[in-house]
């Protein structure tokens, strides 16, 4: 009898909370925002650094990579309630970072084409550190690859994604992933003399 009474009492409280939320949408919205805040904060703690490193390999600059990742987290927070499966949030973030990196590179190409006057080259300390990393033959060869091939290699060997996952992130077929991967490895082997 006690368990039945407690279950009935719980249903009454649940209905009362639902009625309060319906009567005061601001309260329900605030509760939903707190849920999104907590979930995105956890994702940020777990995935920020790896996503920044992924973006650095794609766009070549740490500051731009950080902007790309931060914009991706802001977009996820804004669309948290429309996310069908919150368990796939990390995959959504990864795809968002790849897509935003592509957009940044497109904008840079357009800006480079339309640049009238180049500014004096004054590298920051961060750029100096990245230059040291960029001197590595592997990284130099990686940056020499076409964008799609570079994305496949980075997603495969840095993000440790499978072929189907890479195809999903890039929005291409698995056959295209295999083709880009094979061409990239062939180019890297010849560039590194192996």
C-alpha atoms as a PDB file:
ATOM      1  CA  UNK A   1       0.000   0.000   0.000  1.00  0.00           C
ATOM      2  CA  UNK A   2       2.828   2.398   0.866  1.00  0.00           C
ATOM      3  CA  UNK A   3       4.603   1.897  -2.485  1.00  0.00           C
ATOM      4  CA  UNK A   4       1.353   2.504  -4.366  1.00  0.00           C
ATOM      5  CA  UNK A   5       0.666   5.633  -2.338  1.00  0.00           C
ATOM      6  CA  UNK A   6       4.233   6.924  -3.005  1.00  0.00           C
ATOM      7  CA  UNK A   7       3.926   6.252  -6.737  1.00  0.00           C
ATOM      8  CA  UNK A   8       0.625   8.106  -6.832  1.00  0.00           C
ATOM      9  CA  UNK A   9       2.140  10.995  -4.860  1.00  0.00           C
ATOM     10  CA  UNK A  10       5.082  11.137  -7.292  1.00  0.00           C
ATOM     11  CA  UNK A  11       2.670  11.296 -10.254  1.00  0.00           C
ATOM     12  CA  UNK A  12       0.801  14.157  -8.584  1.00  0.00           C
ATOM     13  CA  UNK A  13       4.037  16.103  -8.028  1.00  0.00           C
ATOM     14  CA  UNK A  14       5.122  15.459 -11.625  1.00  0.00           C
ATOM     15  CA  UNK A  15       1.789  16.724 -12.924  1.00  0.00           C
ATOM     16  CA  UNK A  16       2.056  19.778 -10.687  1.00  0.00           C
ATOM     17  CA  UNK A  17       5.556  20.570 -11.997  1.00  0.00           C
ATOM     18  CA  UNK A  18       4.356  20.099 -15.583  1.00  0.00           C
ATOM     19  CA  UNK A  19       1.363  22.368 -14.917  1.00  0.00           C
ATOM     20  CA  UNK A  20       3.666  25.017 -13.415  1.00  0.00           C
ATOM     21  CA  UNK A  21       5.935  24.781 -16.460  1.00  0.00           C
ATOM     22  CA  UNK A  22       2.953  25.162 -18.785  1.00  0.00           C
ATOM     23  CA  UNK A  23       1.682  28.126 -16.776  1.00  0.00           C
ATOM     24  CA  UNK A  24       5.125  29.761 -16.627  1.00  0.00           C
ATOM     25  CA  UNK A  25       7.110  29.050 -19.818  1.00  0.00           C
ATOM     26  CA  UNK A  26       9.987  31.205 -18.562  1.00  0.00           C
ATOM     27  CA  UNK A  27      10.544  28.788 -15.683  1.00  0.00           C
ATOM     28  CA  UNK A  28      10.512  25.798 -18.025  1.00  0.00           C
ATOM     29  CA  UNK A  29      12.845  27.609 -20.401  1.00  0.00           C
ATOM     30  CA  UNK A  30      15.234  28.455 -17.568  1.00  0.00           C
ATOM     31  CA  UNK A  31      15.328  24.818 -16.478  1.00  0.00           C
ATOM     32  CA  UNK A  32      16.014  23.706 -20.046  1.00  0.00           C
ATOM     33  CA  UNK A  33      18.790  26.324 -20.358  1.00  0.00           C
ATOM     34  CA  UNK A  34      20.404  25.000 -17.177  1.00  0.00           C
ATOM     35  CA  UNK A  35      20.337  21.490 -18.656  1.00  0.00           C
ATOM     36  CA  UNK A  36      21.965  22.741 -21.875  1.00  0.00           C
ATOM     37  CA  UNK A  37      24.542  24.739 -19.901  1.00  0.00           C
ATOM     38  CA  UNK A  38      25.564  21.703 -17.864  1.00  0.00           C
ATOM     39  CA  UNK A  39      25.757  19.380 -20.853  1.00  0.00           C
ATOM     40  CA  UNK A  40      27.741  21.800 -23.010  1.00  0.00           C
ATOM     41  CA  UNK A  41      30.074  22.581 -20.097  1.00  0.00           C
ATOM     42  CA  UNK A  42      30.840  18.875 -19.716  1.00  0.00           C
ATOM     43  CA  UNK A  43      31.470  18.548 -23.462  1.00  0.00           C
ATOM     44  CA  UNK A  44      33.695  21.630 -23.374  1.00  0.00           C
ATOM     45  CA  UNK A  45      35.822  20.170 -20.573  1.00  0.00           C
ATOM     46  CA  UNK A  46      36.191  16.861 -22.398  1.00  0.00           C
ATOM     47  CA  UNK A  47      36.606  17.936 -26.041  1.00  0.00           C
ATOM     48  CA  UNK A  48      37.892  21.533 -26.232  1.00  0.00           C
ATOM     49  CA  UNK A  49      41.622  20.752 -26.505  1.00  0.00           C
ATOM     50  CA  UNK A  50      41.325  17.842 -28.964  1.00  0.00           C
ATOM     51  CA  UNK A  51      38.973  19.893 -31.158  1.00  0.00           C
ATOM     52  CA  UNK A  52      41.355  22.874 -31.135  1.00  0.00           C
ATOM     53  CA  UNK A  53      44.233  20.594 -32.139  1.00  0.00           C
ATOM     54  CA  UNK A  54      42.080  19.128 -34.910  1.00  0.00           C
ATOM     55  CA  UNK A  55      41.201  22.623 -36.153  1.00  0.00           C
ATOM     56  CA  UNK A  56      44.872  23.729 -36.019  1.00  0.00           C
ATOM     57  CA  UNK A  57      45.777  20.876 -38.343  1.00  0.00           C
ATOM     58  CA  UNK A  58      42.978  21.902 -40.715  1.00  0.00           C
ATOM     59  CA  UNK A  59      43.354  25.713 -40.743  1.00  0.00           C
ATOM     60  CA  UNK A  60      47.011  26.080 -39.754  1.00  0.00           C
ATOM     61  CA  UNK A  61      46.619  28.806 -37.105  1.00  0.00           C
ATOM     62  CA  UNK A  62      45.934  28.314 -33.408  1.00  0.00           C
ATOM     63  CA  UNK A  63      44.004  31.567 -32.918  1.00  0.00           C
ATOM     64  CA  UNK A  64      41.713  30.812 -35.850  1.00  0.00           C
ATOM     65  CA  UNK A  65      41.339  27.221 -34.666  1.00  0.00           C
ATOM     66  CA  UNK A  66      40.276  28.404 -31.204  1.00  0.00           C
ATOM     67  CA  UNK A  67      37.701  30.731 -32.782  1.00  0.00           C
ATOM     68  CA  UNK A  68      36.353  27.880 -34.899  1.00  0.00           C
ATOM     69  CA  UNK A  69      35.973  25.607 -31.874  1.00  0.00           C
ATOM     70  CA  UNK A  70      34.423  28.299 -29.693  1.00  0.00           C
ATOM     71  CA  UNK A  71      31.926  29.155 -32.432  1.00  0.00           C
ATOM     72  CA  UNK A  72      31.073  25.461 -32.684  1.00  0.00           C
ATOM     73  CA  UNK A  73      30.352  25.237 -28.961  1.00  0.00           C
ATOM     74  CA  UNK A  74      28.219  28.393 -29.092  1.00  0.00           C
ATOM     75  CA  UNK A  75      26.243  26.948 -32.003  1.00  0.00           C
ATOM     76  CA  UNK A  76      25.752  23.665 -30.155  1.00  0.00           C
ATOM     77  CA  UNK A  77      24.521  25.473 -27.038  1.00  0.00           C
ATOM     78  CA  UNK A  78      22.060  27.510 -29.098  1.00  0.00           C
ATOM     79  CA  UNK A  79      20.710  24.391 -30.819  1.00  0.00           C
ATOM     80  CA  UNK A  80      20.944  21.997 -27.867  1.00  0.00           C
ATOM     81  CA  UNK A  81      17.160  21.565 -27.650  1.00  0.00           C
ATOM     82  CA  UNK A  82      16.899  20.588 -31.314  1.00  0.00           C
ATOM     83  CA  UNK A  83      19.638  17.960 -30.987  1.00  0.00           C
ATOM     84  CA  UNK A  84      17.863  14.628 -31.484  1.00  0.00           C
ATOM     85  CA  UNK A  85      20.374  12.446 -29.691  1.00  0.00           C
ATOM     86  CA  UNK A  86      22.526  14.177 -27.099  1.00  0.00           C
ATOM     87  CA  UNK A  87      24.767  11.108 -27.108  1.00  0.00           C
ATOM     88  CA  UNK A  88      25.983  12.149 -30.558  1.00  0.00           C
ATOM     89  CA  UNK A  89      26.900  15.661 -29.423  1.00  0.00           C
ATOM     90  CA  UNK A  90      30.652  14.992 -29.717  1.00  0.00           C
ATOM     91  CA  UNK A  91      30.244  13.816 -33.312  1.00  0.00           C
ATOM     92  CA  UNK A  92      28.123  16.890 -34.039  1.00  0.00           C
ATOM     93  CA  UNK A  93      30.864  19.111 -32.594  1.00  0.00           C
ATOM     94  CA  UNK A  94      33.566  17.399 -34.654  1.00  0.00           C
ATOM     95  CA  UNK A  95      31.537  17.822 -37.830  1.00  0.00           C
ATOM     96  CA  UNK A  96      30.814  21.439 -36.925  1.00  0.00           C
ATOM     97  CA  UNK A  97      34.551  22.113 -36.453  1.00  0.00           C
ATOM     98  CA  UNK A  98      35.390  20.545 -39.826  1.00  0.00           C
ATOM     99  CA  UNK A  99      32.656  22.527 -41.598  1.00  0.00           C
ATOM    100  CA  UNK A 100      33.628  25.808 -39.934  1.00  0.00           C
ATOM    101  CA  UNK A 101      37.290  25.161 -40.782  1.00  0.00           C
ATOM    102  CA  UNK A 102      36.296  24.767 -44.422  1.00  0.00           C
ATOM    103  CA  UNK A 103      34.407  28.070 -44.250  1.00  0.00           C
ATOM    104  CA  UNK A 104      37.424  29.830 -42.744  1.00  0.00           C
ATOM    105  CA  UNK A 105      39.684  28.486 -45.476  1.00  0.00           C
ATOM    106  CA  UNK A 106      37.203  29.576 -48.174  1.00  0.00           C
ATOM    107  CA  UNK A 107      37.064  33.089 -46.694  1.00  0.00           C
ATOM    108  CA  UNK A 108      40.864  33.217 -46.523  1.00  0.00           C
ATOM    109  CA  UNK A 109      41.159  32.217 -50.187  1.00  0.00           C
ATOM    110  CA  UNK A 110      38.727  34.948 -51.200  1.00  0.00           C
ATOM    111  CA  UNK A 111      40.514  37.498 -49.027  1.00  0.00           C
ATOM    112  CA  UNK A 112      43.887  36.471 -50.466  1.00  0.00           C
ATOM    113  CA  UNK A 113      42.562  36.835 -54.012  1.00  0.00           C
ATOM    114  CA  UNK A 114      41.168  40.263 -53.274  1.00  0.00           C
ATOM    115  CA  UNK A 115      44.010  41.551 -51.096  1.00  0.00           C
ATOM    116  CA  UNK A 116      45.281  44.888 -52.355  1.00  0.00           C
ATOM    117  CA  UNK A 117      48.189  45.458 -50.055  1.00  0.00           C
ATOM    118  CA  UNK A 118      49.913  43.028 -47.769  1.00  0.00           C
ATOM    119  CA  UNK A 119      50.495  44.019 -44.177  1.00  0.00           C
ATOM    120  CA  UNK A 120      53.952  43.801 -42.625  1.00  0.00           C
ATOM    121  CA  UNK A 121      54.678  40.317 -41.357  1.00  0.00           C
ATOM    122  CA  UNK A 122      54.915  40.502 -37.566  1.00  0.00           C
ATOM    123  CA  UNK A 123      54.571  36.976 -36.182  1.00  0.00           C
ATOM    124  CA  UNK A 124      53.310  36.604 -32.629  1.00  0.00           C
ATOM    125  CA  UNK A 125      54.929  34.337 -30.059  1.00  0.00           C
ATOM    126  CA  UNK A 126      52.235  31.738 -30.702  1.00  0.00           C
ATOM    127  CA  UNK A 127      52.894  31.827 -34.414  1.00  0.00           C
ATOM    128  CA  UNK A 128      56.609  31.393 -33.691  1.00  0.00           C
ATOM    129  CA  UNK A 129      55.872  28.260 -31.679  1.00  0.00           C
ATOM    130  CA  UNK A 130      53.610  26.953 -34.437  1.00  0.00           C
ATOM    131  CA  UNK A 131      56.328  27.702 -36.985  1.00  0.00           C
ATOM    132  CA  UNK A 132      58.660  25.390 -35.076  1.00  0.00           C
ATOM    133  CA  UNK A 133      56.001  22.709 -35.238  1.00  0.00           C
ATOM    134  CA  UNK A 134      55.408  23.497 -38.908  1.00  0.00           C
ATOM    135  CA  UNK A 135      59.069  22.812 -39.713  1.00  0.00           C
ATOM    136  CA  UNK A 136      58.443  19.171 -39.210  1.00  0.00           C
ATOM    137  CA  UNK A 137      58.615  17.420 -42.546  1.00  0.00           C
ATOM    138  CA  UNK A 138      55.432  15.486 -41.859  1.00  0.00           C
ATOM    139  CA  UNK A 139      53.414  18.568 -40.986  1.00  0.00           C
ATOM    140  CA  UNK A 140      54.797  20.416 -44.005  1.00  0.00           C
ATOM    141  CA  UNK A 141      53.870  17.521 -46.259  1.00  0.00           C
ATOM    142  CA  UNK A 142      50.437  17.351 -44.630  1.00  0.00           C
ATOM    143  CA  UNK A 143      49.792  21.025 -45.328  1.00  0.00           C
ATOM    144  CA  UNK A 144      50.846  20.527 -48.952  1.00  0.00           C
ATOM    145  CA  UNK A 145      48.006  18.053 -49.506  1.00  0.00           C
ATOM    146  CA  UNK A 146      44.752  19.184 -51.110  1.00  0.00           C
ATOM    147  CA  UNK A 147      42.121  20.147 -48.502  1.00  0.00           C
ATOM    148  CA  UNK A 148      39.968  17.007 -48.762  1.00  0.00           C
ATOM    149  CA  UNK A 149      42.948  14.676 -48.584  1.00  0.00           C
ATOM    150  CA  UNK A 150      44.325  16.578 -45.590  1.00  0.00           C
ATOM    151  CA  UNK A 151      40.929  16.372 -43.842  1.00  0.00           C
ATOM    152  CA  UNK A 152      40.750  12.609 -44.372  1.00  0.00           C
ATOM    153  CA  UNK A 153      44.292  12.066 -43.044  1.00  0.00           C
ATOM    154  CA  UNK A 154      43.739  14.295 -40.001  1.00  0.00           C
ATOM    155  CA  UNK A 155      40.396  12.712 -39.171  1.00  0.00           C
ATOM    156  CA  UNK A 156      41.811   9.206 -39.641  1.00  0.00           C
ATOM    157  CA  UNK A 157      45.132   9.470 -37.847  1.00  0.00           C
ATOM    158  CA  UNK A 158      44.627  12.373 -35.448  1.00  0.00           C
ATOM    159  CA  UNK A 159      40.944  12.046 -34.517  1.00  0.00           C
ATOM    160  CA  UNK A 160      41.151   8.231 -34.886  1.00  0.00           C
ATOM    161  CA  UNK A 161      37.876   7.967 -36.795  1.00  0.00           C
ATOM    162  CA  UNK A 162      36.836   5.028 -38.922  1.00  0.00           C
ATOM    163  CA  UNK A 163      36.014   5.269 -42.619  1.00  0.00           C
ATOM    164  CA  UNK A 164      32.231   5.486 -42.067  1.00  0.00           C
ATOM    165  CA  UNK A 165      32.701   8.132 -39.367  1.00  0.00           C
ATOM    166  CA  UNK A 166      34.939  10.203 -41.640  1.00  0.00           C
ATOM    167  CA  UNK A 167      32.386   9.907 -44.444  1.00  0.00           C
ATOM    168  CA  UNK A 168      29.682  11.140 -42.078  1.00  0.00           C
ATOM    169  CA  UNK A 169      31.745  14.076 -40.796  1.00  0.00           C
ATOM    170  CA  UNK A 170      32.832  15.181 -44.275  1.00  0.00           C
ATOM    171  CA  UNK A 171      29.494  14.470 -45.946  1.00  0.00           C
ATOM    172  CA  UNK A 172      30.995  12.215 -48.618  1.00  0.00           C
ATOM    173  CA  UNK A 173      30.769   8.514 -49.471  1.00  0.00           C
ATOM    174  CA  UNK A 174      33.006   5.860 -47.959  1.00  0.00           C
ATOM    175  CA  UNK A 175      34.454   5.222 -51.406  1.00  0.00           C
ATOM    176  CA  UNK A 176      35.512   8.853 -51.634  1.00  0.00           C
ATOM    177  CA  UNK A 177      37.119   8.589 -48.211  1.00  0.00           C
ATOM    178  CA  UNK A 178      39.136   5.560 -49.367  1.00  0.00           C
ATOM    179  CA  UNK A 179      40.150   7.326 -52.568  1.00  0.00           C
ATOM    180  CA  UNK A 180      41.254  10.527 -50.786  1.00  0.00           C
ATOM    181  CA  UNK A 181      43.093   8.444 -48.179  1.00  0.00           C
ATOM    182  CA  UNK A 182      44.990   6.384 -50.748  1.00  0.00           C
ATOM    183  CA  UNK A 183      46.001   9.461 -52.773  1.00  0.00           C
ATOM    184  CA  UNK A 184      47.080  11.314 -49.624  1.00  0.00           C
ATOM    185  CA  UNK A 185      49.257   8.430 -48.418  1.00  0.00           C
ATOM    186  CA  UNK A 186      50.867   8.097 -51.846  1.00  0.00           C
ATOM    187  CA  UNK A 187      51.634  11.839 -51.917  1.00  0.00           C
ATOM    188  CA  UNK A 188      52.983  11.796 -48.356  1.00  0.00           C
ATOM    189  CA  UNK A 189      55.220   8.778 -49.079  1.00  0.00           C
ATOM    190  CA  UNK A 190      56.760  10.439 -52.105  1.00  0.00           C
ATOM    191  CA  UNK A 191      57.145  13.790 -50.271  1.00  0.00           C
ATOM    192  CA  UNK A 192      58.861  12.128 -47.313  1.00  0.00           C
ATOM    193  CA  UNK A 193      60.996   9.872 -49.498  1.00  0.00           C
ATOM    194  CA  UNK A 194      59.583   6.551 -48.267  1.00  0.00           C
END
